[in-house]
Amino acid sequence: MSSDSTPEKQFKIAKKLLQDGVEGDKQAAKRAHEKLLRLRETQPHHALIEAYYGSSLALLSRDAVKLVEKEEKALESLEILNQAVEMDPNEKKFASYAEVSACICRRLISILRK
C-alpha cells in the first residue's frame, strides 16, 4: 500500500483542500468534500473527520447557487458539526467549529430574509 493511500495522508490532503476552499477555491472545496466523505465511510467514529466533513458541507452551502440547496447543505452541516462534538466533547479544536456553526446560522438567516 502506498503511503499516499493511508487514511492519515488522505486526511491531511483533505484538510489542505478544505483550507483552499475556505480561501475561495470552489473546486478544492468539492474535492475536500469527496475525500472527507470517503474517509467518513471508512472511519465512522472519527470525530475530527466528522467535523471537517461538516465544514466541507458548509463550504458547499456557501457555493451553491440554488437557495434550497444552500439551506439543505447548511442545515446538514450544522447537524454533522453537532454530531462531531457529541462524539468527542473534549476535543479542543471544536471551539473553531462552534464559530463555523454560528457563521452558517448567520448566513442562512440572511439568505432566507431575501
C-alpha atoms as a PDB file:
ATOM      1  CA  MET A   1       0.000   0.000   0.000  1.00  0.00           C
ATOM      2  CA  SER A   2       1.347   3.406  -0.976  1.00  0.00           C
ATOM      3  CA  SER A   3       1.831   5.969   1.777  1.00  0.00           C
ATOM      4  CA  ASP A   4      -0.413   8.305  -0.259  1.00  0.00           C
ATOM      5  CA  SER A   5      -3.350   5.988   0.323  1.00  0.00           C
ATOM      6  CA  THR A   6      -3.195   5.837   4.102  1.00  0.00           C
ATOM      7  CA  PRO A   7      -6.136   7.422   5.897  1.00  0.00           C
ATOM      8  CA  GLU A   8      -3.772   9.830   7.650  1.00  0.00           C
ATOM      9  CA  LYS A   9      -2.330  11.023   4.334  1.00  0.00           C
ATOM     10  CA  GLN A  10      -5.789  11.349   2.784  1.00  0.00           C
ATOM     11  CA  PHE A  11      -6.986  13.314   5.817  1.00  0.00           C
ATOM     12  CA  LYS A  12      -4.016  15.668   5.536  1.00  0.00           C
ATOM     13  CA  ILE A  13      -4.776  16.228   1.834  1.00  0.00           C
ATOM     14  CA  ALA A  14      -8.469  16.787   2.592  1.00  0.00           C
ATOM     15  CA  LYS A  15      -7.625  19.389   5.256  1.00  0.00           C
ATOM     16  CA  LYS A  16      -5.382  21.258   2.797  1.00  0.00           C
ATOM     17  CA  LEU A  17      -8.109  21.180   0.143  1.00  0.00           C
ATOM     18  CA  LEU A  18     -10.645  22.402   2.690  1.00  0.00           C
ATOM     19  CA  GLN A  19      -8.401  25.341   3.592  1.00  0.00           C
ATOM     20  CA  ASP A  20      -8.065  26.167  -0.111  1.00  0.00           C
ATOM     21  CA  GLY A  21     -11.862  26.035  -0.272  1.00  0.00           C
ATOM     22  CA  VAL A  22     -12.156  28.436   2.659  1.00  0.00           C
ATOM     23  CA  GLU A  23      -9.905  30.789   0.706  1.00  0.00           C
ATOM     24  CA  GLY A  24     -12.335  30.693  -2.232  1.00  0.00           C
ATOM     25  CA  ASP A  25     -11.322  27.723  -4.394  1.00  0.00           C
ATOM     26  CA  LYS A  26     -14.686  26.094  -5.142  1.00  0.00           C
ATOM     27  CA  GLN A  27     -13.135  23.062  -6.845  1.00  0.00           C
ATOM     28  CA  ALA A  28     -10.905  22.433  -3.838  1.00  0.00           C
ATOM     29  CA  ALA A  29     -13.982  22.608  -1.592  1.00  0.00           C
ATOM     30  CA  LYS A  30     -15.713  19.945  -3.709  1.00  0.00           C
ATOM     31  CA  ARG A  31     -12.628  17.721  -3.741  1.00  0.00           C
ATOM     32  CA  ALA A  32     -12.235  18.093   0.028  1.00  0.00           C
ATOM     33  CA  HIS A  33     -15.864  17.084   0.486  1.00  0.00           C
ATOM     34  CA  GLU A  34     -15.396  13.983  -1.689  1.00  0.00           C
ATOM     35  CA  LYS A  35     -12.252  12.908   0.190  1.00  0.00           C
ATOM     36  CA  LEU A  36     -13.858  13.509   3.570  1.00  0.00           C
ATOM     37  CA  LEU A  37     -16.960  11.581   2.526  1.00  0.00           C
ATOM     38  CA  ARG A  38     -14.778   8.559   1.680  1.00  0.00           C
ATOM     39  CA  LEU A  39     -12.802   8.909   4.925  1.00  0.00           C
ATOM     40  CA  ARG A  40     -16.021   9.208   6.885  1.00  0.00           C
ATOM     41  CA  GLU A  41     -17.254   5.932   5.385  1.00  0.00           C
ATOM     42  CA  THR A  42     -14.083   4.066   6.369  1.00  0.00           C
ATOM     43  CA  GLN A  43     -13.713   5.718   9.804  1.00  0.00           C
ATOM     44  CA  PRO A  44     -17.253   6.435  11.016  1.00  0.00           C
ATOM     45  CA  HIS A  45     -16.276   7.153  14.633  1.00  0.00           C
ATOM     46  CA  HIS A  46     -13.509   9.678  13.959  1.00  0.00           C
ATOM     47  CA  ALA A  47     -14.773  12.965  15.406  1.00  0.00           C
ATOM     48  CA  LEU A  48     -12.290  15.204  13.573  1.00  0.00           C
ATOM     49  CA  ILE A  49     -13.108  13.670  10.195  1.00  0.00           C
ATOM     50  CA  GLU A  50     -16.775  14.221  11.027  1.00  0.00           C
ATOM     51  CA  ALA A  51     -16.109  17.858  11.897  1.00  0.00           C
ATOM     52  CA  TYR A  52     -14.109  18.518   8.753  1.00  0.00           C
ATOM     53  CA  TYR A  53     -16.827  16.810   6.724  1.00  0.00           C
ATOM     54  CA  GLY A  54     -19.392  19.155   8.302  1.00  0.00           C
ATOM     55  CA  SER A  55     -17.185  22.102   7.425  1.00  0.00           C
ATOM     56  CA  SER A  56     -16.964  20.889   3.835  1.00  0.00           C
ATOM     57  CA  LEU A  57     -20.762  20.890   3.681  1.00  0.00           C
ATOM     58  CA  ALA A  58     -20.742  24.489   4.918  1.00  0.00           C
ATOM     59  CA  LEU A  59     -18.486  25.412   2.000  1.00  0.00           C
ATOM     60  CA  LEU A  60     -20.750  23.595  -0.448  1.00  0.00           C
ATOM     61  CA  SER A  61     -23.650  25.548   1.013  1.00  0.00           C
ATOM     62  CA  ARG A  62     -21.734  28.787   0.557  1.00  0.00           C
ATOM     63  CA  ASP A  63     -21.012  27.936  -3.074  1.00  0.00           C
ATOM     64  CA  ALA A  64     -24.451  26.554  -4.008  1.00  0.00           C
ATOM     65  CA  VAL A  65     -26.475  28.577  -6.495  1.00  0.00           C
ATOM     66  CA  LYS A  66     -29.967  27.370  -5.619  1.00  0.00           C
ATOM     67  CA  LEU A  67     -31.455  28.688  -2.393  1.00  0.00           C
ATOM     68  CA  VAL A  68     -32.929  25.304  -1.472  1.00  0.00           C
ATOM     69  CA  GLU A  69     -29.534  23.630  -1.869  1.00  0.00           C
ATOM     70  CA  LYS A  70     -27.878  26.333   0.237  1.00  0.00           C
ATOM     71  CA  GLU A  71     -30.381  25.744   3.007  1.00  0.00           C
ATOM     72  CA  GLU A  72     -30.197  21.934   2.876  1.00  0.00           C
ATOM     73  CA  LYS A  73     -26.394  21.833   2.938  1.00  0.00           C
ATOM     74  CA  ALA A  74     -26.207  24.459   5.704  1.00  0.00           C
ATOM     75  CA  LEU A  75     -28.628  22.543   7.911  1.00  0.00           C
ATOM     76  CA  GLU A  76     -26.857  19.238   7.234  1.00  0.00           C
ATOM     77  CA  SER A  77     -23.558  20.922   8.039  1.00  0.00           C
ATOM     78  CA  LEU A  78     -24.873  22.062  11.414  1.00  0.00           C
ATOM     79  CA  GLU A  79     -26.160  18.566  12.205  1.00  0.00           C
ATOM     80  CA  ILE A  80     -22.816  16.973  11.316  1.00  0.00           C
ATOM     81  CA  LEU A  81     -20.837  19.511  13.344  1.00  0.00           C
ATOM     82  CA  ASN A  82     -23.079  18.867  16.340  1.00  0.00           C
ATOM     83  CA  GLN A  83     -22.579  15.107  15.918  1.00  0.00           C
ATOM     84  CA  ALA A  84     -18.814  15.583  15.844  1.00  0.00           C
ATOM     85  CA  VAL A  85     -18.909  17.475  19.133  1.00  0.00           C
ATOM     86  CA  GLU A  86     -21.112  14.768  20.666  1.00  0.00           C
ATOM     87  CA  MET A  87     -18.614  12.116  19.521  1.00  0.00           C
ATOM     88  CA  ASP A  88     -15.731  13.833  21.334  1.00  0.00           C
ATOM     89  CA  PRO A  89     -16.862  16.716  23.550  1.00  0.00           C
ATOM     90  CA  ASN A  90     -13.344  17.197  24.930  1.00  0.00           C
ATOM     91  CA  GLU A  91     -11.714  17.880  21.554  1.00  0.00           C
ATOM     92  CA  LYS A  92     -10.136  21.328  21.823  1.00  0.00           C
ATOM     93  CA  LYS A  93     -10.318  22.010  18.090  1.00  0.00           C
ATOM     94  CA  PHE A  94     -14.095  22.068  18.241  1.00  0.00           C
ATOM     95  CA  ALA A  95     -14.163  25.632  19.533  1.00  0.00           C
ATOM     96  CA  SER A  96     -13.486  26.774  15.958  1.00  0.00           C
ATOM     97  CA  TYR A  97     -16.365  24.625  14.716  1.00  0.00           C
ATOM     98  CA  ALA A  98     -18.703  26.483  17.034  1.00  0.00           C
ATOM     99  CA  GLU A  99     -17.631  29.612  15.167  1.00  0.00           C
ATOM    100  CA  VAL A 100     -18.323  27.860  11.847  1.00  0.00           C
ATOM    101  CA  SER A 101     -21.779  26.887  13.094  1.00  0.00           C
ATOM    102  CA  ALA A 102     -22.531  30.448  14.155  1.00  0.00           C
ATOM    103  CA  CYS A 103     -21.370  31.757  10.793  1.00  0.00           C
ATOM    104  CA  ILE A 104     -23.561  29.219   8.972  1.00  0.00           C
ATOM    105  CA  CYS A 105     -26.574  30.276  11.011  1.00  0.00           C
ATOM    106  CA  ARG A 106     -25.993  33.969  10.299  1.00  0.00           C
ATOM    107  CA  ARG A 107     -25.581  33.344   6.568  1.00  0.00           C
ATOM    108  CA  LEU A 108     -28.657  31.132   6.451  1.00  0.00           C
ATOM    109  CA  ILE A 109     -30.770  33.753   8.183  1.00  0.00           C
ATOM    110  CA  SER A 110     -29.566  36.484   5.822  1.00  0.00           C
ATOM    111  CA  ILE A 111     -30.281  34.286   2.786  1.00  0.00           C
ATOM    112  CA  LEU A 112     -33.761  33.407   3.967  1.00  0.00           C
ATOM    113  CA  ARG A 113     -34.624  37.064   4.630  1.00  0.00           C
ATOM    114  CA  LYS A 114     -34.035  37.975   0.982  1.00  0.00           C
END
